[in-house]
PDB file of N, CA and C in Angstrom:
ATOM      1  N   MET A   1      16.824 -18.955  10.063  1.00  0.00           N
ATOM      2  CA  MET A   1      15.464 -19.095   9.619  1.00  0.00           C
ATOM      3  C   MET A   1      15.451 -20.007   8.395  1.00  0.00           C
ATOM      4  N   PRO A   2      14.763 -21.096   8.486  1.00  0.00           N
ATOM      5  CA  PRO A   2      14.836 -22.090   7.416  1.00  0.00           C
ATOM      6  C   PRO A   2      14.281 -21.632   6.075  1.00  0.00           C
ATOM      7  N   HIS A   3      13.379 -20.650   6.050  1.00  0.00           N
ATOM      8  CA  HIS A   3      12.808 -20.218   4.776  1.00  0.00           C
ATOM      9  C   HIS A   3      13.728 -19.280   3.995  1.00  0.00           C
ATOM     10  N   LEU A   4      14.806 -18.820   4.621  1.00  0.00           N
ATOM     11  CA  LEU A   4      15.736 -17.922   3.942  1.00  0.00           C
ATOM     12  C   LEU A   4      16.816 -18.710   3.230  1.00  0.00           C
ATOM     13  N   ARG A   5      17.237 -18.180   2.112  1.00  0.00           N
ATOM     14  CA  ARG A   5      18.379 -18.768   1.421  1.00  0.00           C
ATOM     15  C   ARG A   5      19.235 -17.634   0.874  1.00  0.00           C
ATOM     16  N   GLU A   6      20.483 -17.918   0.661  1.00  0.00           N
ATOM     17  CA  GLU A   6      21.418 -16.893   0.218  1.00  0.00           C
ATOM     18  C   GLU A   6      21.300 -16.678  -1.288  1.00  0.00           C
ATOM     19  N   LEU A   7      21.307 -15.420  -1.681  1.00  0.00           N
ATOM     20  CA  LEU A   7      21.252 -15.051  -3.091  1.00  0.00           C
ATOM     21  C   LEU A   7      22.421 -14.133  -3.429  1.00  0.00           C
ATOM     22  N   PRO A   8      23.033 -14.330  -4.577  1.00  0.00           N
ATOM     23  CA  PRO A   8      24.063 -13.378  -4.997  1.00  0.00           C
ATOM     24  C   PRO A   8      23.398 -12.092  -5.487  1.00  0.00           C
ATOM     25  N   ASP A   9      24.056 -10.993  -5.297  1.00  0.00           N
ATOM     26  CA  ASP A   9      23.544  -9.706  -5.771  1.00  0.00           C
ATOM     27  C   ASP A   9      24.735  -8.798  -6.042  1.00  0.00           C
ATOM     28  N   ARG A  10      24.491  -7.668  -6.700  1.00  0.00           N
ATOM     29  CA  ARG A  10      25.551  -6.702  -6.972  1.00  0.00           C
ATOM     30  C   ARG A  10      25.011  -5.304  -6.721  1.00  0.00           C
ATOM     31  N   TYR A  11      25.899  -4.435  -6.234  1.00  0.00           N
ATOM     32  CA  TYR A  11      25.538  -3.042  -5.999  1.00  0.00           C
ATOM     33  C   TYR A  11      26.548  -2.141  -6.689  1.00  0.00           C
ATOM     34  N   PRO A  12      26.075  -1.032  -7.270  1.00  0.00           N
ATOM     35  CA  PRO A  12      27.007  -0.092  -7.896  1.00  0.00           C
ATOM     36  C   PRO A  12      27.811   0.634  -6.825  1.00  0.00           C
ATOM     37  N   ILE A  13      29.090   0.863  -7.107  1.00  0.00           N
ATOM     38  CA  ILE A  13      29.962   1.549  -6.157  1.00  0.00           C
ATOM     39  C   ILE A  13      30.815   2.577  -6.891  1.00  0.00           C
ATOM     40  N   VAL A  14      31.339   3.517  -6.135  1.00  0.00           N
ATOM     41  CA  VAL A  14      32.335   4.455  -6.635  1.00  0.00           C
ATOM     42  C   VAL A  14      33.597   4.208  -5.817  1.00  0.00           C
ATOM     43  N   GLU A  15      34.665   3.833  -6.483  1.00  0.00           N
ATOM     44  CA  GLU A  15      35.923   3.538  -5.808  1.00  0.00           C
ATOM     45  C   GLU A  15      36.580   4.833  -5.329  1.00  0.00           C
ATOM     46  N   ARG A  16      37.587   4.724  -4.471  1.00  0.00           N
ATOM     47  CA  ARG A  16      38.287   5.904  -3.947  1.00  0.00           C
ATOM     48  C   ARG A  16      38.922   6.734  -5.061  1.00  0.00           C
ATOM     49  N   ASP A  17      39.330   6.074  -6.142  1.00  0.00           N
ATOM     50  CA  ASP A  17      39.946   6.813  -7.257  1.00  0.00           C
ATOM     51  C   ASP A  17      38.909   7.434  -8.187  1.00  0.00           C
ATOM     52  N   GLY A  18      37.602   7.294  -7.858  1.00  0.00           N
ATOM     53  CA  GLY A  18      36.541   7.888  -8.660  1.00  0.00           C
ATOM     54  C   GLY A  18      35.966   6.959  -9.714  1.00  0.00           C
ATOM     55  N   SER A  19      36.604   5.825  -9.937  1.00  0.00           N
ATOM     56  CA  SER A  19      36.076   4.895 -10.935  1.00  0.00           C
ATOM     57  C   SER A  19      34.808   4.226 -10.406  1.00  0.00           C
ATOM     58  N   ARG A  20      33.973   3.833 -11.319  1.00  0.00           N
ATOM     59  CA  ARG A  20      32.715   3.190 -10.948  1.00  0.00           C
ATOM     60  C   ARG A  20      32.790   1.708 -11.246  1.00  0.00           C
ATOM     61  N   GLY A  21      32.087   0.934 -10.450  1.00  0.00           N
ATOM     62  CA  GLY A  21      32.100  -0.504 -10.667  1.00  0.00           C
ATOM     63  C   GLY A  21      30.950  -1.157  -9.925  1.00  0.00           C
ATOM     64  N   TRP A  22      31.069  -2.454  -9.752  1.00  0.00           N
ATOM     65  CA  TRP A  22      30.042  -3.234  -9.074  1.00  0.00           C
ATOM     66  C   TRP A  22      30.683  -4.037  -7.958  1.00  0.00           C
ATOM     67  N   ARG A  23      30.025  -4.139  -6.824  1.00  0.00           N
ATOM     68  CA  ARG A  23      30.509  -4.949  -5.713  1.00  0.00           C
ATOM     69  C   ARG A  23      29.554  -6.110  -5.521  1.00  0.00           C
ATOM     70  N   ALA A  24      30.102  -7.317  -5.538  1.00  0.00           N
ATOM     71  CA  ALA A  24      29.291  -8.514  -5.308  1.00  0.00           C
ATOM     72  C   ALA A  24      29.009  -8.662  -3.819  1.00  0.00           C
ATOM     73  N   VAL A  25      27.784  -8.993  -3.467  1.00  0.00           N
ATOM     74  CA  VAL A  25      27.392  -9.226  -2.084  1.00  0.00           C
ATOM     75  C   VAL A  25      26.486 -10.450  -2.034  1.00  0.00           C
ATOM     76  N   ALA A  26      26.446 -11.071  -0.888  1.00  0.00           N
ATOM     77  CA  ALA A  26      25.500 -12.164  -0.657  1.00  0.00           C
ATOM     78  C   ALA A  26      24.422 -11.640   0.278  1.00  0.00           C
ATOM     79  N   LYS A  27      23.182 -11.893  -0.036  1.00  0.00           N
ATOM     80  CA  LYS A  27      22.092 -11.483   0.842  1.00  0.00           C
ATOM     81  C   LYS A  27      21.085 -12.612   0.920  1.00  0.00           C
ATOM     82  N   THR A  28      20.127 -12.465   1.807  1.00  0.00           N
ATOM     83  CA  THR A  28      19.124 -13.507   1.957  1.00  0.00           C
ATOM     84  C   THR A  28      17.816 -13.084   1.305  1.00  0.00           C
ATOM     85  N   THR A  29      17.012 -14.048   1.001  1.00  0.00           N
ATOM     86  CA  THR A  29      15.725 -13.786   0.377  1.00  0.00           C
ATOM     87  C   THR A  29      14.748 -13.207   1.387  1.00  0.00           C
ATOM     88  N   LYS A  30      14.102 -12.151   1.031  1.00  0.00           N
ATOM     89  CA  LYS A  30      12.968 -11.621   1.767  1.00  0.00           C
ATOM     90  C   LYS A  30      13.154 -11.572   3.278  1.00  0.00           C
ATOM     91  N   CYS A  31      14.312 -11.169   3.726  1.00  0.00           N
ATOM     92  CA  CYS A  31      14.589 -11.209   5.159  1.00  0.00           C
ATOM     93  C   CYS A  31      13.714 -10.264   5.969  1.00  0.00           C
ATOM     94  N   SER A  32      13.182  -9.196   5.379  1.00  0.00           N
ATOM     95  CA  SER A  32      12.395  -8.247   6.166  1.00  0.00           C
ATOM     96  C   SER A  32      10.926  -8.189   5.754  1.00  0.00           C
ATOM     97  N   ASP A  33      10.478  -9.075   4.899  1.00  0.00           N
ATOM     98  CA  ASP A  33       9.082  -9.035   4.453  1.00  0.00           C
ATOM     99  C   ASP A  33       8.088  -9.130   5.609  1.00  0.00           C
ATOM    100  N   GLY A  34       8.386  -9.911   6.616  1.00  0.00           N
ATOM    101  CA  GLY A  34       7.470 -10.101   7.733  1.00  0.00           C
ATOM    102  C   GLY A  34       7.313  -8.892   8.628  1.00  0.00           C
ATOM    103  N   PHE A  35       8.238  -7.951   8.587  1.00  0.00           N
ATOM    104  CA  PHE A  35       8.168  -6.791   9.463  1.00  0.00           C
ATOM    105  C   PHE A  35       6.906  -5.966   9.230  1.00  0.00           C
ATOM    106  N   VAL A  36       6.480  -5.834   7.998  1.00  0.00           N
ATOM    107  CA  VAL A  36       5.288  -5.040   7.688  1.00  0.00           C
ATOM    108  C   VAL A  36       4.067  -5.631   8.388  1.00  0.00           C
ATOM    109  N   ARG A  37       3.963  -6.939   8.426  1.00  0.00           N
ATOM    110  CA  ARG A  37       2.822  -7.586   9.074  1.00  0.00           C
ATOM    111  C   ARG A  37       2.866  -7.424  10.593  1.00  0.00           C
ATOM    112  N   LEU A  38       4.036  -7.207  11.156  1.00  0.00           N
ATOM    113  CA  LEU A  38       4.168  -7.049  12.603  1.00  0.00           C
ATOM    114  C   LEU A  38       3.977  -5.613  13.077  1.00  0.00           C
ATOM    115  N   GLN A  39       3.941  -4.665  12.145  1.00  0.00           N
ATOM    116  CA  GLN A  39       3.937  -3.247  12.496  1.00  0.00           C
ATOM    117  C   GLN A  39       2.853  -2.886  13.503  1.00  0.00           C
ATOM    118  N   ARG A  40       1.633  -3.353  13.317  1.00  0.00           N
ATOM    119  CA  ARG A  40       0.549  -2.961  14.232  1.00  0.00           C
ATOM    120  C   ARG A  40       0.802  -3.458  15.654  1.00  0.00           C
ATOM    121  N   PHE A  41       1.426  -4.632  15.802  1.00  0.00           N
ATOM    122  CA  PHE A  41       1.723  -5.167  17.124  1.00  0.00           C
ATOM    123  C   PHE A  41       2.849  -4.374  17.797  1.00  0.00           C
ATOM    124  N   VAL A  42       3.832  -4.002  17.006  1.00  0.00           N
ATOM    125  CA  VAL A  42       4.947  -3.207  17.527  1.00  0.00           C
ATOM    126  C   VAL A  42       4.442  -1.838  17.972  1.00  0.00           C
ATOM    127  N   ASP A  43       3.587  -1.226  17.142  1.00  0.00           N
ATOM    128  CA  ASP A  43       3.025   0.077  17.503  1.00  0.00           C
ATOM    129  C   ASP A  43       2.169  -0.023  18.766  1.00  0.00           C
ATOM    130  N   ALA A  44       1.361  -1.057  18.876  1.00  0.00           N
ATOM    131  CA  ALA A  44       0.491  -1.237  20.044  1.00  0.00           C
ATOM    132  C   ALA A  44       1.305  -1.439  21.319  1.00  0.00           C
ATOM    133  N   ALA A  45       2.452  -2.073  21.206  1.00  0.00           N
ATOM    134  CA  ALA A  45       3.304  -2.305  22.376  1.00  0.00           C
ATOM    135  C   ALA A  45       4.086  -1.054  22.773  1.00  0.00           C
ATOM    136  N   ALA A  46       4.087  -0.036  21.925  1.00  0.00           N
ATOM    137  CA  ALA A  46       4.777   1.236  22.188  1.00  0.00           C
ATOM    138  C   ALA A  46       6.247   1.022  22.551  1.00  0.00           C
ATOM    139  N   VAL A  47       6.930   0.166  21.810  1.00  0.00           N
ATOM    140  CA  VAL A  47       8.336  -0.113  22.072  1.00  0.00           C
ATOM    141  C   VAL A  47       9.251   0.365  20.949  1.00  0.00           C
ATOM    142  N   VAL A  48       8.697   1.119  20.011  1.00  0.00           N
ATOM    143  CA  VAL A  48       9.497   1.578  18.878  1.00  0.00           C
ATOM    144  C   VAL A  48       9.665   3.092  18.942  1.00  0.00           C
ATOM    145  N   ARG A  49      10.868   3.541  18.605  1.00  0.00           N
ATOM    146  CA  ARG A  49      11.143   4.979  18.488  1.00  0.00           C
ATOM    147  C   ARG A  49      11.268   5.304  17.016  1.00  0.00           C
ATOM    148  N   HIS A  50      10.649   6.398  16.591  1.00  0.00           N
ATOM    149  CA  HIS A  50      10.709   6.837  15.201  1.00  0.00           C
ATOM    150  C   HIS A  50      11.686   7.996  15.095  1.00  0.00           C
ATOM    151  N   GLY A  51      12.425   8.047  13.997  1.00  0.00           N
ATOM    152  CA  GLY A  51      13.375   9.128  13.800  1.00  0.00           C
ATOM    153  C   GLY A  51      13.816   9.233  12.365  1.00  0.00           C
ATOM    154  N   GLN A  52      14.844   9.993  12.135  1.00  0.00           N
ATOM    155  CA  GLN A  52      15.369  10.261  10.815  1.00  0.00           C
ATOM    156  C   GLN A  52      16.838   9.847  10.775  1.00  0.00           C
ATOM    157  N   VAL A  53      17.228   9.111   9.749  1.00  0.00           N
ATOM    158  CA  VAL A  53      18.630   8.765   9.509  1.00  0.00           C
ATOM    159  C   VAL A  53      18.945   9.248   8.103  1.00  0.00           C
ATOM    160  N   GLY A  54      19.703  10.338   8.015  1.00  0.00           N
ATOM    161  CA  GLY A  54      19.925  10.950   6.703  1.00  0.00           C
ATOM    162  C   GLY A  54      18.589  11.405   6.142  1.00  0.00           C
ATOM    163  N   ASN A  55      18.257  10.943   4.946  1.00  0.00           N
ATOM    164  CA  ASN A  55      16.972  11.280   4.331  1.00  0.00           C
ATOM    165  C   ASN A  55      15.918  10.199   4.547  1.00  0.00           C
ATOM    166  N   ALA A  56      16.249   9.184   5.305  1.00  0.00           N
ATOM    167  CA  ALA A  56      15.338   8.050   5.485  1.00  0.00           C
ATOM    168  C   ALA A  56      14.621   8.105   6.829  1.00  0.00           C
ATOM    169  N   ARG A  57      13.356   7.722   6.818  1.00  0.00           N
ATOM    170  CA  ARG A  57      12.629   7.528   8.071  1.00  0.00           C
ATOM    171  C   ARG A  57      13.107   6.215   8.664  1.00  0.00           C
ATOM    172  N   ALA A  58      13.264   6.184   9.983  1.00  0.00           N
ATOM    173  CA  ALA A  58      13.798   4.987  10.634  1.00  0.00           C
ATOM    174  C   ALA A  58      12.989   4.646  11.879  1.00  0.00           C
ATOM    175  N   GLN A  59      13.071   3.374  12.251  1.00  0.00           N
ATOM    176  CA  GLN A  59      12.452   2.900  13.480  1.00  0.00           C
ATOM    177  C   GLN A  59      13.516   2.151  14.268  1.00  0.00           C
ATOM    178  N   LEU A  60      13.572   2.420  15.560  1.00  0.00           N
ATOM    179  CA  LEU A  60      14.520   1.740  16.431  1.00  0.00           C
ATOM    180  C   LEU A  60      13.731   0.893  17.418  1.00  0.00           C
ATOM    181  N   LEU A  61      14.049  -0.388  17.448  1.00  0.00           N
ATOM    182  CA  LEU A  61      13.373  -1.327  18.320  1.00  0.00           C
ATOM    183  C   LEU A  61      14.416  -2.197  18.982  1.00  0.00           C
ATOM    184  N   ARG A  62      14.509  -2.120  20.298  1.00  0.00           N
ATOM    185  CA  ARG A  62      15.462  -2.953  21.034  1.00  0.00           C
ATOM    186  C   ARG A  62      14.946  -4.380  21.072  1.00  0.00           C
ATOM    187  N   SER A  63      15.705  -5.305  20.569  1.00  0.00           N
ATOM    188  CA  SER A  63      15.258  -6.695  20.507  1.00  0.00           C
ATOM    189  C   SER A  63      15.049  -7.280  21.898  1.00  0.00           C
ATOM    190  N   ALA A  64      15.859  -6.909  22.864  1.00  0.00           N
ATOM    191  CA  ALA A  64      15.696  -7.429  24.221  1.00  0.00           C
ATOM    192  C   ALA A  64      14.363  -6.971  24.806  1.00  0.00           C
ATOM    193  N   THR A  65      13.950  -5.738  24.522  1.00  0.00           N
ATOM    194  CA  THR A  65      12.673  -5.226  25.013  1.00  0.00           C
ATOM    195  C   THR A  65      11.523  -5.976  24.371  1.00  0.00           C
ATOM    196  N   TRP A  66      11.600  -6.182  23.086  1.00  0.00           N
ATOM    197  CA  TRP A  66      10.527  -6.857  22.358  1.00  0.00           C
ATOM    198  C   TRP A  66      10.368  -8.293  22.844  1.00  0.00           C
ATOM    199  N   CYS A  67      11.452  -8.945  23.197  1.00  0.00           N
ATOM    200  CA  CYS A  67      11.407 -10.335  23.641  1.00  0.00           C
ATOM    201  C   CYS A  67      11.023 -10.471  25.102  1.00  0.00           C
ATOM    202  N   GLY A  68      10.847  -9.349  25.785  1.00  0.00           N
ATOM    203  CA  GLY A  68      10.411  -9.400  27.167  1.00  0.00           C
ATOM    204  C   GLY A  68      11.536  -9.353  28.185  1.00  0.00           C
ATOM    205  N   SER A  69      12.768  -9.176  27.750  1.00  0.00           N
ATOM    206  CA  SER A  69      13.912  -9.095  28.665  1.00  0.00           C
ATOM    207  C   SER A  69      14.253  -7.639  28.900  1.00  0.00           C
ATOM    208  N   ARG A  70      13.646  -7.034  29.863  1.00  0.00           N
ATOM    209  CA  ARG A  70      13.883  -5.598  30.104  1.00  0.00           C
ATOM    210  C   ARG A  70      14.996  -5.389  31.070  1.00  0.00           C
TER     211      ARG A  70
END
C-alpha cells in the first residue's frame, strides 16, 4: 500500500531472566485505520465472526470470503 511507510517503535518486554527492557520493532503507519470505516459493510455482508481472545474482543474475517472467492 503506497500510503504506508515503516516507522521504528519500541515495546516494553520482560526477558526470561526477569529483567525488563525494550524491544525495537518496525511497524507501518496507520495500517488499520481504514477498518473502522469498513465496519458497516462487513457487518452488512454477515461475513465476520465475533469472539473473545483472552480479554480482548475479536473479529474473524476470512479474506478469501470477503474478496468473493468462496
